[in-house]
Protein backbone atom coordinates (compact mmCIF):
# COMPACT_ATOMS: atom_id res chain seq x y z
CA MET A 1 -0.70 -23.84 -14.17
CA ASP A 2 -0.46 -25.57 -10.83
CA ASN A 3 -3.52 -24.66 -8.75
CA ASN A 4 -1.45 -24.96 -5.57
CA TRP A 5 0.71 -21.94 -6.33
CA PRO A 6 0.20 -19.19 -3.76
CA LEU A 7 -1.53 -15.93 -4.52
CA TRP A 8 0.68 -12.82 -4.54
CA GLU A 9 -0.37 -9.18 -4.24
CA VAL A 10 1.51 -6.84 -6.56
CA PHE A 11 2.51 -3.26 -5.77
CA ILE A 12 4.15 -0.97 -8.35
CA ARG A 13 5.87 2.36 -7.84
CA SER A 14 5.56 4.44 -10.98
CA LYS A 15 8.45 6.53 -12.26
CA LYS A 16 6.64 9.67 -11.13
CA GLY A 17 5.31 8.24 -7.87
CA LEU A 18 6.61 8.29 -4.34
CA SER A 19 4.76 5.26 -3.04
CA HIS A 20 3.87 1.82 -4.26
CA LYS A 21 0.26 1.23 -5.33
CA HIS A 22 -1.59 -2.05 -5.34
CA VAL A 23 -2.21 -3.03 -8.95
CA GLY A 24 -3.48 -6.58 -8.71
CA SER A 25 -2.81 -10.18 -7.84
CA LEU A 26 -1.28 -13.22 -9.50
CA HIS A 27 -0.35 -16.82 -8.79
CA ALA A 28 3.32 -17.83 -8.82
CA ALA A 29 5.44 -20.65 -7.45
CA ASP A 30 7.82 -18.33 -5.59
CA ALA A 31 8.81 -14.69 -5.09
CA ASP A 32 11.19 -14.58 -8.07
CA MET A 33 8.50 -15.90 -10.40
CA ALA A 34 5.99 -13.45 -8.90
CA ILE A 35 8.32 -10.50 -9.63
CA GLU A 36 8.89 -11.65 -13.21
CA ASN A 37 5.19 -12.27 -13.82
CA ALA A 38 4.27 -8.93 -12.24
CA ARG A 39 6.74 -7.19 -14.54
CA ASP A 40 5.24 -8.90 -17.58
CA VAL A 41 1.62 -8.33 -16.60
CA TYR A 42 1.60 -4.94 -14.87
CA THR A 43 4.47 -2.96 -16.45
CA ARG A 44 4.05 -3.59 -20.16
CA ARG A 45 4.61 0.05 -21.04
CA MET A 46 7.74 0.54 -18.89
CA GLU A 47 5.74 2.60 -16.38
CA GLY A 48 7.17 0.94 -13.29
CA GLU A 49 10.28 1.79 -11.32
CA SER A 50 9.94 -0.71 -8.49
CA ILE A 51 7.87 -3.85 -7.92
CA TRP A 52 6.89 -5.37 -4.59
CA VAL A 53 5.19 -8.74 -4.29
CA VAL A 54 3.71 -10.01 -1.04
CA GLU A 55 2.15 -13.38 -0.51
CA SER A 56 -1.54 -12.73 0.16
CA LYS A 57 -1.51 -14.99 3.22
CA ASP A 58 1.03 -12.66 4.88
CA ILE A 59 -1.18 -9.57 4.68
CA VAL A 60 -3.11 -8.74 7.82
CA ALA A 61 -5.94 -6.24 7.59
CA SER A 62 -8.28 -4.59 10.03
CA ASN A 63 -11.94 -5.53 10.00
CA PRO A 64 -14.11 -2.68 8.63
CA SER A 65 -16.87 -3.63 11.08
CA GLN A 66 -14.50 -2.80 13.94
CA GLN A 67 -13.61 0.63 12.58
CA GLU A 68 -15.08 2.58 15.50
CA GLU A 69 -13.18 0.74 18.22
CA LEU A 70 -9.96 0.73 16.17
CA TYR A 71 -9.89 4.49 15.57
CA ASP A 72 -11.69 5.67 18.71
CA PRO A 73 -8.51 6.02 20.85
CA ALA A 74 -7.19 8.66 18.44
CA LYS A 75 -10.02 11.01 19.43
CA ASP A 76 -8.41 11.39 22.87
CA LYS A 77 -5.15 12.68 21.37
CA ILE A 78 -6.13 16.20 20.35
CA TYR A 79 -2.47 17.25 20.22
CA ARG A 80 -2.20 15.24 16.99
CA HIS A 81 -4.66 17.61 15.36
CA PRO A 82 -3.12 21.08 15.53
CA THR A 83 -6.36 22.90 14.80
CA PHE A 84 -6.29 24.83 18.08
CA TYR A 85 -2.74 26.23 17.73
CA ASP A 86 -2.24 29.87 16.77
CA ILE A 87 0.09 30.23 13.81
CA PRO A 88 1.77 33.63 13.43
CA ASP A 89 0.87 35.46 10.22
CA GLU A 90 4.52 35.69 9.12
CA ILE A 91 4.70 31.87 8.94
CA GLY A 92 2.22 31.76 6.07
CA HIS A 93 0.72 28.47 4.98
CA MET A 94 1.89 25.26 6.59
């Protein structure tokens, strides 16, 4: 295998699932090869319904050490957390 092939992250949506889940990574020359290899490696038992591949270099992630400053602004938006609203009894569970 060519060591210069990019790394791809693989996401599979199961037949019973609503969202794609990260299942692993693989090297491939291009997106078509990544899809085919992902199918062969991660869906051997026909469990997948949809495959996404994303080149690892294109994924941007937050830094866990900056968690406080990233999520702190949400604390000021109490309307997003409806814990203080009164729900009428006839509504039942929401």
